[in-house]
């Protein structure tokens, strides 16, 4: 997992930089992140019901938060698991 992808997704979402978010969707190796971005952008562009857009936005933000927690936990495990020789 690439921690930078999640930071970028959060930044682009916060700043409403949809073009950059679309580029990130194509370039990321995390297929779940790409799918969450795809669903949100599709809803944002084509959905008339704001509650659907909001649902996809919150789903994307929850996934970014979850993935960041996993990356930080894995980084902590790697730091403690490898003894310095």
PDB file of N, CA and C in Angstrom:
ATOM      1  N   UNK A   1       0.835  -1.181   0.000  1.00  0.00           N
ATOM      2  CA  UNK A   1       0.000   0.000   0.000  1.00  0.00           C
ATOM      3  C   UNK A   1       0.878   1.242   0.000  1.00  0.00           C
ATOM      4  N   UNK A   2       0.429   2.221  -0.730  1.00  0.00           N
ATOM      5  CA  UNK A   2       1.193   3.457  -0.830  1.00  0.00           C
ATOM      6  C   UNK A   2       0.502   4.553  -0.029  1.00  0.00           C
ATOM      7  N   UNK A   3       1.126   4.968   1.050  1.00  0.00           N
ATOM      8  CA  UNK A   3       0.566   5.987   1.943  1.00  0.00           C
ATOM      9  C   UNK A   3       0.301   7.302   1.196  1.00  0.00           C
ATOM     10  N   UNK A   4       1.122   7.612   0.213  1.00  0.00           N
ATOM     11  CA  UNK A   4       0.996   8.866  -0.533  1.00  0.00           C
ATOM     12  C   UNK A   4      -0.319   8.911  -1.306  1.00  0.00           C
ATOM     13  N   UNK A   5      -0.762   7.778  -1.848  1.00  0.00           N
ATOM     14  CA  UNK A   5      -2.021   7.741  -2.594  1.00  0.00           C
ATOM     15  C   UNK A   5      -3.198   8.164  -1.714  1.00  0.00           C
ATOM     16  N   UNK A   6      -3.220   7.721  -0.478  1.00  0.00           N
ATOM     17  CA  UNK A   6      -4.325   8.059   0.422  1.00  0.00           C
ATOM     18  C   UNK A   6      -4.288   9.536   0.810  1.00  0.00           C
ATOM     19  N   UNK A   7      -3.091  10.051   1.031  1.00  0.00           N
ATOM     20  CA  UNK A   7      -2.958  11.478   1.330  1.00  0.00           C
ATOM     21  C   UNK A   7      -3.416  12.322   0.143  1.00  0.00           C
ATOM     22  N   UNK A   8      -3.017  11.905  -1.044  1.00  0.00           N
ATOM     23  CA  UNK A   8      -3.432  12.636  -2.242  1.00  0.00           C
ATOM     24  C   UNK A   8      -4.942  12.567  -2.437  1.00  0.00           C
ATOM     25  N   UNK A   9      -5.518  11.394  -2.235  1.00  0.00           N
ATOM     26  CA  UNK A   9      -6.970  11.251  -2.393  1.00  0.00           C
ATOM     27  C   UNK A   9      -7.703  12.168  -1.425  1.00  0.00           C
ATOM     28  N   UNK A  10      -7.234  12.224  -0.207  1.00  0.00           N
ATOM     29  CA  UNK A  10      -7.860  13.095   0.786  1.00  0.00           C
ATOM     30  C   UNK A  10      -7.697  14.566   0.401  1.00  0.00           C
ATOM     31  N   UNK A  11      -6.505  14.929  -0.017  1.00  0.00           N
ATOM     32  CA  UNK A  11      -6.238  16.313  -0.413  1.00  0.00           C
ATOM     33  C   UNK A  11      -7.087  16.717  -1.619  1.00  0.00           C
ATOM     34  N   UNK A  12      -7.110  15.885  -2.653  1.00  0.00           N
ATOM     35  CA  UNK A  12      -7.873  16.209  -3.860  1.00  0.00           C
ATOM     36  C   UNK A  12      -9.367  16.275  -3.565  1.00  0.00           C
ATOM     37  N   UNK A  13      -9.842  15.416  -2.699  1.00  0.00           N
ATOM     38  CA  UNK A  13     -11.257  15.442  -2.334  1.00  0.00           C
ATOM     39  C   UNK A  13     -11.578  16.715  -1.563  1.00  0.00           C
ATOM     40  N   UNK A  14     -10.724  17.052  -0.621  1.00  0.00           N
ATOM     41  CA  UNK A  14     -10.939  18.267   0.185  1.00  0.00           C
ATOM     42  C   UNK A  14     -10.918  19.524  -0.682  1.00  0.00           C
ATOM     43  N   UNK A  15     -10.034  19.571  -1.659  1.00  0.00           N
ATOM     44  CA  UNK A  15      -9.880  20.748  -2.512  1.00  0.00           C
ATOM     45  C   UNK A  15     -10.779  20.720  -3.751  1.00  0.00           C
ATOM     46  N   UNK A  16     -11.583  19.659  -3.895  1.00  0.00           N
ATOM     47  CA  UNK A  16     -12.470  19.481  -5.057  1.00  0.00           C
ATOM     48  C   UNK A  16     -11.701  19.484  -6.371  1.00  0.00           C
ATOM     49  N   UNK A  17     -10.546  18.855  -6.359  1.00  0.00           N
ATOM     50  CA  UNK A  17      -9.726  18.725  -7.567  1.00  0.00           C
ATOM     51  C   UNK A  17     -10.076  17.398  -8.241  1.00  0.00           C
ATOM     52  N   UNK A  18     -11.208  17.392  -8.933  1.00  0.00           N
ATOM     53  CA  UNK A  18     -11.735  16.147  -9.484  1.00  0.00           C
ATOM     54  C   UNK A  18     -10.859  15.595 -10.602  1.00  0.00           C
ATOM     55  N   UNK A  19     -10.222  16.448 -11.389  1.00  0.00           N
ATOM     56  CA  UNK A  19      -9.341  15.956 -12.452  1.00  0.00           C
ATOM     57  C   UNK A  19      -8.158  15.186 -11.866  1.00  0.00           C
ATOM     58  N   UNK A  20      -7.554  15.736 -10.830  1.00  0.00           N
ATOM     59  CA  UNK A  20      -6.430  15.055 -10.181  1.00  0.00           C
ATOM     60  C   UNK A  20      -6.885  13.776  -9.487  1.00  0.00           C
ATOM     61  N   UNK A  21      -8.098  13.786  -8.938  1.00  0.00           N
ATOM     62  CA  UNK A  21      -8.636  12.589  -8.302  1.00  0.00           C
ATOM     63  C   UNK A  21      -8.849  11.494  -9.337  1.00  0.00           C
ATOM     64  N   UNK A  22      -9.307  11.876 -10.524  1.00  0.00           N
ATOM     65  CA  UNK A  22      -9.487  10.910 -11.611  1.00  0.00           C
ATOM     66  C   UNK A  22      -8.150  10.315 -12.050  1.00  0.00           C
ATOM     67  N   UNK A  23      -7.131  11.150 -12.156  1.00  0.00           N
ATOM     68  CA  UNK A  23      -5.798  10.666 -12.518  1.00  0.00           C
ATOM     69  C   UNK A  23      -5.277   9.704 -11.453  1.00  0.00           C
ATOM     70  N   UNK A  24      -5.477  10.048 -10.186  1.00  0.00           N
ATOM     71  CA  UNK A  24      -5.071   9.159  -9.096  1.00  0.00           C
ATOM     72  C   UNK A  24      -5.804   7.829  -9.183  1.00  0.00           C
ATOM     73  N   UNK A  25      -7.089   7.873  -9.510  1.00  0.00           N
ATOM     74  CA  UNK A  25      -7.876   6.651  -9.639  1.00  0.00           C
ATOM     75  C   UNK A  25      -7.248   5.702 -10.667  1.00  0.00           C
ATOM     76  N   UNK A  26      -6.772   6.255 -11.760  1.00  0.00           N
ATOM     77  CA  UNK A  26      -6.179   5.439 -12.827  1.00  0.00           C
ATOM     78  C   UNK A  26      -4.797   4.920 -12.434  1.00  0.00           C
ATOM     79  N   UNK A  27      -4.035   5.721 -11.726  1.00  0.00           N
ATOM     80  CA  UNK A  27      -2.633   5.371 -11.436  1.00  0.00           C
ATOM     81  C   UNK A  27      -2.409   4.539 -10.178  1.00  0.00           C
ATOM     82  N   UNK A  28      -3.343   4.548  -9.247  1.00  0.00           N
ATOM     83  CA  UNK A  28      -3.111   3.856  -7.983  1.00  0.00           C
ATOM     84  C   UNK A  28      -3.106   2.343  -8.177  1.00  0.00           C
ATOM     85  N   UNK A  29      -2.337   1.666  -7.351  1.00  0.00           N
ATOM     86  CA  UNK A  29      -2.289   0.203  -7.356  1.00  0.00           C
ATOM     87  C   UNK A  29      -3.369  -0.391  -6.462  1.00  0.00           C
ATOM     88  N   UNK A  30      -3.976   0.428  -5.609  1.00  0.00           N
ATOM     89  CA  UNK A  30      -5.018  -0.017  -4.690  1.00  0.00           C
ATOM     90  C   UNK A  30      -6.361  -0.021  -5.430  1.00  0.00           C
ATOM     91  N   UNK A  31      -6.829  -1.206  -5.783  1.00  0.00           N
ATOM     92  CA  UNK A  31      -8.057  -1.323  -6.566  1.00  0.00           C
ATOM     93  C   UNK A  31      -9.295  -0.891  -5.772  1.00  0.00           C
ATOM     94  N   UNK A  32      -9.273  -1.079  -4.462  1.00  0.00           N
ATOM     95  CA  UNK A  32     -10.402  -0.636  -3.643  1.00  0.00           C
ATOM     96  C   UNK A  32     -10.498   0.895  -3.636  1.00  0.00           C
ATOM     97  N   UNK A  33      -9.358   1.548  -3.519  1.00  0.00           N
ATOM     98  CA  UNK A  33      -9.343   3.009  -3.578  1.00  0.00           C
ATOM     99  C   UNK A  33      -9.841   3.481  -4.936  1.00  0.00           C
ATOM    100  N   UNK A  34      -9.378   2.860  -5.991  1.00  0.00           N
ATOM    101  CA  UNK A  34      -9.805   3.238  -7.342  1.00  0.00           C
ATOM    102  C   UNK A  34     -11.311   3.083  -7.505  1.00  0.00           C
ATOM    103  N   UNK A  35     -11.866   2.008  -6.982  1.00  0.00           N
ATOM    104  CA  UNK A  35     -13.308   1.769  -7.101  1.00  0.00           C
ATOM    105  C   UNK A  35     -14.097   2.787  -6.278  1.00  0.00           C
ATOM    106  N   UNK A  36     -13.620   3.123  -5.081  1.00  0.00           N
ATOM    107  CA  UNK A  36     -14.304   4.118  -4.253  1.00  0.00           C
ATOM    108  C   UNK A  36     -14.295   5.489  -4.940  1.00  0.00           C
ATOM    109  N   UNK A  37     -13.151   5.850  -5.535  1.00  0.00           N
ATOM    110  CA  UNK A  37     -13.065   7.114  -6.265  1.00  0.00           C
ATOM    111  C   UNK A  37     -14.008   7.093  -7.466  1.00  0.00           C
ATOM    112  N   UNK A  38     -14.019   5.988  -8.185  1.00  0.00           N
ATOM    113  CA  UNK A  38     -14.889   5.861  -9.356  1.00  0.00           C
ATOM    114  C   UNK A  38     -16.358   6.056  -8.978  1.00  0.00           C
ATOM    115  N   UNK A  39     -16.791   5.395  -7.933  1.00  0.00           N
ATOM    116  CA  UNK A  39     -18.184   5.498  -7.499  1.00  0.00           C
ATOM    117  C   UNK A  39     -18.526   6.926  -7.085  1.00  0.00           C
ATOM    118  N   UNK A  40     -17.612   7.566  -6.363  1.00  0.00           N
ATOM    119  CA  UNK A  40     -17.874   8.936  -5.934  1.00  0.00           C
ATOM    120  C   UNK A  40     -17.943   9.887  -7.122  1.00  0.00           C
ATOM    121  N   UNK A  41     -16.963   9.821  -8.024  1.00  0.00           N
ATOM    122  CA  UNK A  41     -16.956  10.736  -9.163  1.00  0.00           C
ATOM    123  C   UNK A  41     -18.168  10.522 -10.060  1.00  0.00           C
ATOM    124  N   UNK A  42     -18.564   9.274 -10.230  1.00  0.00           N
ATOM    125  CA  UNK A  42     -19.750   8.999 -11.042  1.00  0.00           C
ATOM    126  C   UNK A  42     -20.991   9.617 -10.389  1.00  0.00           C
ATOM    127  N   UNK A  43     -21.134   9.426  -9.095  1.00  0.00           N
ATOM    128  CA  UNK A  43     -22.282   9.997  -8.390  1.00  0.00           C
ATOM    129  C   UNK A  43     -22.235  11.528  -8.443  1.00  0.00           C
ATOM    130  N   UNK A  44     -21.068  12.097  -8.251  1.00  0.00           N
ATOM    131  CA  UNK A  44     -20.931  13.553  -8.248  1.00  0.00           C
ATOM    132  C   UNK A  44     -21.343  14.155  -9.588  1.00  0.00           C
ATOM    133  N   UNK A  45     -20.978  13.483 -10.673  1.00  0.00           N
ATOM    134  CA  UNK A  45     -21.253  14.023 -11.999  1.00  0.00           C
ATOM    135  C   UNK A  45     -22.651  13.717 -12.517  1.00  0.00           C
ATOM    136  N   UNK A  46     -23.250  12.596 -12.114  1.00  0.00           N
ATOM    137  CA  UNK A  46     -24.489  12.174 -12.753  1.00  0.00           C
ATOM    138  C   UNK A  46     -25.686  12.027 -11.828  1.00  0.00           C
ATOM    139  N   UNK A  47     -25.457  12.006 -10.542  1.00  0.00           N
ATOM    140  CA  UNK A  47     -26.558  11.753  -9.609  1.00  0.00           C
ATOM    141  C   UNK A  47     -27.275  13.052  -9.250  1.00  0.00           C
ATOM    142  N   UNK A  48     -28.590  12.996  -9.224  1.00  0.00           N
ATOM    143  CA  UNK A  48     -29.397  14.169  -8.858  1.00  0.00           C
ATOM    144  C   UNK A  48     -29.687  14.215  -7.357  1.00  0.00           C
ATOM    145  N   UNK A  49     -29.679  13.064  -6.728  1.00  0.00           N
ATOM    146  CA  UNK A  49     -29.996  12.965  -5.300  1.00  0.00           C
ATOM    147  C   UNK A  49     -28.718  13.200  -4.487  1.00  0.00           C
ATOM    148  N   UNK A  50     -28.705  14.279  -3.718  1.00  0.00           N
ATOM    149  CA  UNK A  50     -27.514  14.634  -2.949  1.00  0.00           C
ATOM    150  C   UNK A  50     -27.152  13.574  -1.918  1.00  0.00           C
ATOM    151  N   UNK A  51     -28.137  12.853  -1.379  1.00  0.00           N
ATOM    152  CA  UNK A  51     -27.840  11.846  -0.366  1.00  0.00           C
ATOM    153  C   UNK A  51     -27.001  10.705  -0.946  1.00  0.00           C
ATOM    154  N   UNK A  52     -27.165  10.411  -2.217  1.00  0.00           N
ATOM    155  CA  UNK A  52     -26.347   9.369  -2.864  1.00  0.00           C
ATOM    156  C   UNK A  52     -24.908   9.864  -3.007  1.00  0.00           C
ATOM    157  N   UNK A  53     -24.750  11.107  -3.414  1.00  0.00           N
ATOM    158  CA  UNK A  53     -23.406  11.691  -3.531  1.00  0.00           C
ATOM    159  C   UNK A  53     -22.726  11.688  -2.166  1.00  0.00           C
ATOM    160  N   UNK A  54     -23.462  12.101  -1.158  1.00  0.00           N
ATOM    161  CA  UNK A  54     -22.936  12.138   0.204  1.00  0.00           C
ATOM    162  C   UNK A  54     -22.537  10.745   0.679  1.00  0.00           C
ATOM    163  N   UNK A  55     -23.341   9.744   0.365  1.00  0.00           N
ATOM    164  CA  UNK A  55     -23.042   8.365   0.755  1.00  0.00           C
ATOM    165  C   UNK A  55     -21.723   7.902   0.137  1.00  0.00           C
ATOM    166  N   UNK A  56     -21.521   8.191  -1.138  1.00  0.00           N
ATOM    167  CA  UNK A  56     -20.282   7.779  -1.811  1.00  0.00           C
ATOM    168  C   UNK A  56     -19.077   8.579  -1.316  1.00  0.00           C
ATOM    169  N   UNK A  57     -19.293   9.850  -1.013  1.00  0.00           N
ATOM    170  CA  UNK A  57     -18.204  10.656  -0.462  1.00  0.00           C
ATOM    171  C   UNK A  57     -17.766  10.109   0.893  1.00  0.00           C
ATOM    172  N   UNK A  58     -18.721   9.845   1.778  1.00  0.00           N
ATOM    173  CA  UNK A  58     -18.376   9.316   3.096  1.00  0.00           C
ATOM    174  C   UNK A  58     -17.751   7.929   3.007  1.00  0.00           C
ATOM    175  N   UNK A  59     -18.193   7.139   2.046  1.00  0.00           N
ATOM    176  CA  UNK A  59     -17.602   5.822   1.843  1.00  0.00           C
ATOM    177  C   UNK A  59     -16.133   5.955   1.431  1.00  0.00           C
ATOM    178  N   UNK A  60     -15.849   6.883   0.530  1.00  0.00           N
ATOM    179  CA  UNK A  60     -14.469   7.143   0.105  1.00  0.00           C
ATOM    180  C   UNK A  60     -13.630   7.635   1.282  1.00  0.00           C
ATOM    181  N   UNK A  61     -14.151   8.581   2.044  1.00  0.00           N
ATOM    182  CA  UNK A  61     -13.393   9.123   3.173  1.00  0.00           C
ATOM    183  C   UNK A  61     -13.149   8.077   4.258  1.00  0.00           C
ATOM    184  N   UNK A  62     -14.146   7.225   4.520  1.00  0.00           N
ATOM    185  CA  UNK A  62     -13.960   6.154   5.510  1.00  0.00           C
ATOM    186  C   UNK A  62     -12.886   5.174   5.049  1.00  0.00           C
ATOM    187  N   UNK A  63     -12.883   4.847   3.749  1.00  0.00           N
ATOM    188  CA  UNK A  63     -11.867   3.927   3.250  1.00  0.00           C
ATOM    189  C   UNK A  63     -10.473   4.545   3.351  1.00  0.00           C
ATOM    190  N   UNK A  64     -10.346   5.818   3.010  1.00  0.00           N
ATOM    191  CA  UNK A  64      -9.043   6.489   3.115  1.00  0.00           C
ATOM    192  C   UNK A  64      -8.554   6.447   4.556  1.00  0.00           C
ATOM    193  N   UNK A  65      -9.440   6.727   5.508  1.00  0.00           N
ATOM    194  CA  UNK A  65      -9.077   6.690   6.922  1.00  0.00           C
ATOM    195  C   UNK A  65      -8.659   5.286   7.344  1.00  0.00           C
ATOM    196  N   UNK A  66      -9.425   4.297   6.921  1.00  0.00           N
ATOM    197  CA  UNK A  66      -9.121   2.901   7.245  1.00  0.00           C
ATOM    198  C   UNK A  66      -7.768   2.491   6.660  1.00  0.00           C
ATOM    199  N   UNK A  67      -7.536   2.824   5.397  1.00  0.00           N
ATOM    200  CA  UNK A  67      -6.283   2.439   4.731  1.00  0.00           C
ATOM    201  C   UNK A  67      -5.087   3.135   5.378  1.00  0.00           C
ATOM    202  N   UNK A  68      -5.244   4.402   5.749  1.00  0.00           N
ATOM    203  CA  UNK A  68      -4.159   5.108   6.435  1.00  0.00           C
ATOM    204  C   UNK A  68      -3.832   4.456   7.771  1.00  0.00           C
ATOM    205  N   UNK A  69      -4.856   4.034   8.494  1.00  0.00           N
ATOM    206  CA  UNK A  69      -4.619   3.335   9.764  1.00  0.00           C
ATOM    207  C   UNK A  69      -3.856   2.032   9.544  1.00  0.00           C
ATOM    208  N   UNK A  70      -4.214   1.293   8.504  1.00  0.00           N
ATOM    209  CA  UNK A  70      -3.521   0.036   8.206  1.00  0.00           C
ATOM    210  C   UNK A  70      -2.067   0.276   7.826  1.00  0.00           C
ATOM    211  N   UNK A  71      -1.826   1.288   7.019  1.00  0.00           N
ATOM    212  CA  UNK A  71      -0.456   1.600   6.603  1.00  0.00           C
ATOM    213  C   UNK A  71       0.381   1.989   7.819  1.00  0.00           C
ATOM    214  N   UNK A  72      -0.167   2.823   8.683  1.00  0.00           N
ATOM    215  CA  UNK A  72       0.567   3.240   9.883  1.00  0.00           C
ATOM    216  C   UNK A  72       0.828   2.057  10.814  1.00  0.00           C
ATOM    217  N   UNK A  73      -0.148   1.165  10.945  1.00  0.00           N
ATOM    218  CA  UNK A  73       0.027  -0.015  11.798  1.00  0.00           C
ATOM    219  C   UNK A  73       1.096  -0.929  11.219  1.00  0.00           C
ATOM    220  N   UNK A  74       1.088  -1.119   9.915  1.00  0.00           N
ATOM    221  CA  UNK A  74       2.091  -1.977   9.275  1.00  0.00           C
ATOM    222  C   UNK A  74       3.480  -1.362   9.359  1.00  0.00           C
ATOM    223  N   UNK A  75       3.566  -0.050   9.226  1.00  0.00           N
ATOM    224  CA  UNK A  75       4.862   0.611   9.365  1.00  0.00           C
ATOM    225  C   UNK A  75       5.409   0.430  10.775  1.00  0.00           C
ATOM    226  N   UNK A  76       4.549   0.522  11.763  1.00  0.00           N
ATOM    227  CA  UNK A  76       4.967   0.329  13.146  1.00  0.00           C
ATOM    228  C   UNK A  76       5.436  -1.088  13.401  1.00  0.00           C
ATOM    229  N   UNK A  77       4.757  -2.061  12.802  1.00  0.00           N
ATOM    230  CA  UNK A  77       5.162  -3.458  12.954  1.00  0.00           C
ATOM    231  C   UNK A  77       6.507  -3.713  12.302  1.00  0.00           C
ATOM    232  N   UNK A  78       6.720  -3.120  11.140  1.00  0.00           N
ATOM    233  CA  UNK A  78       7.995  -3.313  10.458  1.00  0.00           C
ATOM    234  C   UNK A  78       9.135  -2.682  11.237  1.00  0.00           C
ATOM    235  N   UNK A  79       8.876  -1.537  11.825  1.00  0.00           N
ATOM    236  CA  UNK A  79       9.926  -0.853  12.594  1.00  0.00           C
ATOM    237  C   UNK A  79      10.335  -1.669  13.813  1.00  0.00           C
ATOM    238  N   UNK A  80       9.385  -2.324  14.476  1.00  0.00           N
ATOM    239  CA  UNK A  80       9.705  -3.072  15.691  1.00  0.00           C
ATOM    240  C   UNK A  80      10.159  -4.482  15.384  1.00  0.00           C
ATOM    241  N   UNK A  81       9.799  -5.037  14.247  1.00  0.00           N
ATOM    242  CA  UNK A  81      10.125  -6.410  13.918  1.00  0.00           C
ATOM    243  C   UNK A  81      11.563  -6.568  13.420  1.00  0.00           C
ATOM    244  N   UNK A  82      12.136  -5.540  12.870  1.00  0.00           N
ATOM    245  CA  UNK A  82      13.481  -5.638  12.313  1.00  0.00           C
ATOM    246  C   UNK A  82      14.501  -5.074  13.302  1.00  0.00           C
ATOM    247  N   UNK A  83      15.327  -5.953  13.872  1.00  0.00           N
ATOM    248  CA  UNK A  83      16.327  -5.454  14.812  1.00  0.00           C
ATOM    249  C   UNK A  83      17.455  -4.737  14.080  1.00  0.00           C
ATOM    250  N   UNK A  84      17.963  -3.715  14.676  1.00  0.00           N
ATOM    251  CA  UNK A  84      19.074  -2.977  14.113  1.00  0.00           C
ATOM    252  C   UNK A  84      20.375  -3.695  14.497  1.00  0.00           C
ATOM    253  N   UNK A  85      21.134  -4.054  13.498  1.00  0.00           N
ATOM    254  CA  UNK A  85      22.380  -4.784  13.741  1.00  0.00           C
ATOM    255  C   UNK A  85      23.574  -3.906  13.498  1.00  0.00           C
TER     256      UNK A  85
END
